[in-house]
Amino acid sequence: MAKCNICEKGMNFGRKISITRSQVSRRALAQQKPNVRKVRVIEGNTPKTRYVCTSCLRNGAVVRA
């Protein structure tokens, strides 16, 4: 399962709605995965590999090695 190690952003669930909104899939929930990248991050003084979402990368929440 894709999950950000920094902000704990995980999968979202929701219904699929068509463009005309006349037919809605009522049986299954759609799974939406976050945009997670495998990045080398400096924690303390050592570089480590972490899964980080792109919003955390853009905000500067981590320092890349």
N, C-alpha and C. Protein backbone atom coordinates (compact mmCIF):
# COMPACT_ATOMS: atom_id res chain seq x y z
N MET A 1 0.84 -1.18 0.00
CA MET A 1 0.00 0.00 0.00
C MET A 1 0.89 1.24 0.00
N ALA A 2 0.54 2.19 -0.85
CA ALA A 2 1.31 3.43 -0.95
C ALA A 2 0.94 4.35 0.21
N LYS A 3 1.98 4.80 0.92
CA LYS A 3 1.75 5.70 2.04
C LYS A 3 2.98 6.57 2.24
N CYS A 4 2.75 7.84 2.49
CA CYS A 4 3.84 8.79 2.73
C CYS A 4 4.37 8.60 4.14
N ASN A 5 5.71 8.53 4.28
CA ASN A 5 6.32 8.37 5.60
C ASN A 5 6.35 9.67 6.38
N ILE A 6 6.13 10.81 5.74
CA ILE A 6 6.20 12.10 6.40
C ILE A 6 4.83 12.52 6.93
N CYS A 7 3.83 12.59 6.05
CA CYS A 7 2.52 13.10 6.46
C CYS A 7 1.48 12.00 6.62
N GLU A 8 1.86 10.74 6.41
CA GLU A 8 0.97 9.58 6.55
C GLU A 8 -0.23 9.64 5.60
N LYS A 9 -0.06 10.28 4.45
CA LYS A 9 -1.14 10.33 3.46
C LYS A 9 -1.29 8.94 2.85
N GLY A 10 -2.51 8.43 2.85
CA GLY A 10 -2.76 7.09 2.35
C GLY A 10 -3.78 7.09 1.23
N MET A 11 -4.42 5.96 1.01
CA MET A 11 -5.38 5.83 -0.07
C MET A 11 -6.70 6.50 0.28
N ASN A 12 -7.38 7.06 -0.75
CA ASN A 12 -8.69 7.65 -0.60
C ASN A 12 -9.70 6.77 -1.31
N PHE A 13 -10.94 6.78 -0.84
CA PHE A 13 -11.98 6.00 -1.46
C PHE A 13 -13.15 6.92 -1.81
N GLY A 14 -13.76 6.68 -2.96
CA GLY A 14 -14.89 7.49 -3.36
C GLY A 14 -15.62 6.83 -4.52
N ARG A 15 -16.78 7.36 -4.86
CA ARG A 15 -17.58 6.83 -5.96
C ARG A 15 -17.11 7.41 -7.29
N LYS A 16 -17.24 6.62 -8.34
CA LYS A 16 -16.97 7.11 -9.69
C LYS A 16 -18.25 7.75 -10.22
N ILE A 17 -18.17 9.00 -10.63
CA ILE A 17 -19.33 9.71 -11.17
C ILE A 17 -19.05 10.02 -12.62
N SER A 18 -20.01 9.71 -13.50
CA SER A 18 -19.84 9.97 -14.92
C SER A 18 -19.93 11.46 -15.20
N ILE A 19 -19.59 11.85 -16.42
CA ILE A 19 -19.59 13.26 -16.78
C ILE A 19 -21.01 13.82 -16.76
N THR A 20 -21.98 13.04 -17.23
CA THR A 20 -23.36 13.51 -17.26
C THR A 20 -24.05 13.37 -15.91
N ARG A 21 -23.42 12.66 -14.99
CA ARG A 21 -23.94 12.43 -13.64
C ARG A 21 -25.30 11.72 -13.61
N SER A 22 -25.63 11.07 -14.71
CA SER A 22 -26.89 10.33 -14.73
C SER A 22 -26.71 8.91 -14.22
N GLN A 23 -25.50 8.36 -14.39
CA GLN A 23 -25.24 7.00 -13.95
C GLN A 23 -24.07 7.01 -12.98
N VAL A 24 -24.29 6.50 -11.81
CA VAL A 24 -23.25 6.46 -10.79
C VAL A 24 -23.00 5.00 -10.44
N SER A 25 -21.72 4.61 -10.37
CA SER A 25 -21.39 3.25 -9.98
C SER A 25 -21.67 3.10 -8.49
N ARG A 26 -22.65 2.28 -8.15
CA ARG A 26 -23.04 2.12 -6.75
C ARG A 26 -22.42 0.89 -6.11
N ARG A 27 -21.75 0.07 -6.89
CA ARG A 27 -21.27 -1.19 -6.35
C ARG A 27 -19.90 -1.08 -5.70
N ALA A 28 -18.95 -0.51 -6.40
CA ALA A 28 -17.58 -0.52 -5.90
C ALA A 28 -17.09 0.91 -5.65
N LEU A 29 -16.30 1.05 -4.61
CA LEU A 29 -15.66 2.33 -4.35
C LEU A 29 -14.35 2.39 -5.14
N ALA A 30 -14.05 3.53 -5.72
CA ALA A 30 -12.81 3.70 -6.46
C ALA A 30 -11.68 3.99 -5.49
N GLN A 31 -10.54 3.37 -5.73
CA GLN A 31 -9.37 3.61 -4.89
C GLN A 31 -8.48 4.63 -5.58
N GLN A 32 -8.13 5.69 -4.86
CA GLN A 32 -7.25 6.72 -5.39
C GLN A 32 -5.98 6.72 -4.57
N LYS A 33 -4.86 6.40 -5.22
CA LYS A 33 -3.58 6.31 -4.52
C LYS A 33 -2.88 7.67 -4.55
N PRO A 34 -2.14 8.01 -3.50
CA PRO A 34 -1.39 9.26 -3.50
C PRO A 34 -0.17 9.16 -4.41
N ASN A 35 0.33 10.31 -4.83
CA ASN A 35 1.51 10.39 -5.69
C ASN A 35 2.75 10.30 -4.80
N VAL A 36 3.25 9.08 -4.62
CA VAL A 36 4.35 8.81 -3.69
C VAL A 36 5.59 8.44 -4.48
N ARG A 37 6.74 9.01 -4.10
CA ARG A 37 8.02 8.74 -4.75
C ARG A 37 9.00 8.15 -3.74
N LYS A 38 9.90 7.31 -4.23
CA LYS A 38 10.96 6.74 -3.40
C LYS A 38 12.14 7.70 -3.48
N VAL A 39 12.49 8.31 -2.34
CA VAL A 39 13.47 9.40 -2.31
C VAL A 39 14.50 9.13 -1.23
N ARG A 40 15.74 9.51 -1.51
CA ARG A 40 16.78 9.47 -0.47
C ARG A 40 16.69 10.76 0.32
N VAL A 41 16.50 10.62 1.64
CA VAL A 41 16.25 11.75 2.53
C VAL A 41 17.31 11.75 3.62
N ILE A 42 17.72 12.93 4.04
CA ILE A 42 18.67 13.04 5.15
C ILE A 42 17.89 13.14 6.46
N GLU A 43 18.04 12.14 7.32
CA GLU A 43 17.45 12.15 8.66
C GLU A 43 18.58 12.08 9.66
N GLY A 44 18.65 13.09 10.52
CA GLY A 44 19.80 13.20 11.41
C GLY A 44 20.99 13.64 10.57
N ASN A 45 21.98 12.78 10.45
CA ASN A 45 23.12 13.05 9.57
C ASN A 45 23.33 11.93 8.56
N THR A 46 22.38 10.99 8.48
CA THR A 46 22.54 9.85 7.58
C THR A 46 21.47 9.87 6.51
N PRO A 47 21.82 9.54 5.27
CA PRO A 47 20.81 9.44 4.22
C PRO A 47 20.04 8.13 4.33
N LYS A 48 18.73 8.21 4.20
CA LYS A 48 17.86 7.04 4.25
C LYS A 48 16.86 7.10 3.11
N THR A 49 16.38 5.95 2.69
CA THR A 49 15.39 5.89 1.62
C THR A 49 14.00 5.87 2.23
N ARG A 50 13.16 6.80 1.81
CA ARG A 50 11.80 6.92 2.33
C ARG A 50 10.83 7.11 1.18
N TYR A 51 9.57 6.77 1.42
CA TYR A 51 8.50 7.05 0.48
C TYR A 51 7.86 8.38 0.88
N VAL A 52 7.92 9.36 -0.03
CA VAL A 52 7.46 10.71 0.26
C VAL A 52 6.50 11.14 -0.84
N CYS A 53 5.36 11.74 -0.45
CA CYS A 53 4.41 12.24 -1.45
C CYS A 53 4.95 13.54 -2.05
N THR A 54 4.47 13.87 -3.24
CA THR A 54 5.00 15.01 -3.96
C THR A 54 4.62 16.33 -3.30
N SER A 55 3.54 16.37 -2.54
CA SER A 55 3.19 17.61 -1.85
C SER A 55 4.20 17.90 -0.74
N CYS A 56 4.72 16.88 -0.06
CA CYS A 56 5.76 17.09 0.95
C CYS A 56 7.08 17.50 0.30
N LEU A 57 7.37 16.98 -0.89
CA LEU A 57 8.58 17.38 -1.60
C LEU A 57 8.51 18.85 -2.02
N ARG A 58 7.34 19.29 -2.51
CA ARG A 58 7.19 20.68 -2.94
C ARG A 58 7.20 21.64 -1.75
N ASN A 59 6.66 21.23 -0.60
CA ASN A 59 6.61 22.10 0.55
C ASN A 59 7.94 22.22 1.27
N GLY A 60 8.88 21.34 0.96
CA GLY A 60 10.17 21.39 1.63
C GLY A 60 10.15 20.72 2.99
N ALA A 61 9.27 19.74 3.19
CA ALA A 61 9.17 19.07 4.47
C ALA A 61 10.36 18.13 4.70
N VAL A 62 11.05 17.76 3.62
CA VAL A 62 12.21 16.87 3.73
C VAL A 62 13.39 17.50 3.03
N VAL A 63 14.59 17.05 3.40
CA VAL A 63 15.82 17.50 2.75
C VAL A 63 16.35 16.31 1.97
N ARG A 64 16.47 16.49 0.65
CA ARG A 64 16.94 15.39 -0.20
C ARG A 64 18.45 15.24 -0.08
N ALA A 65 18.89 13.99 -0.19
CA ALA A 65 20.33 13.70 -0.10
C ALA A 65 20.96 13.86 -1.47
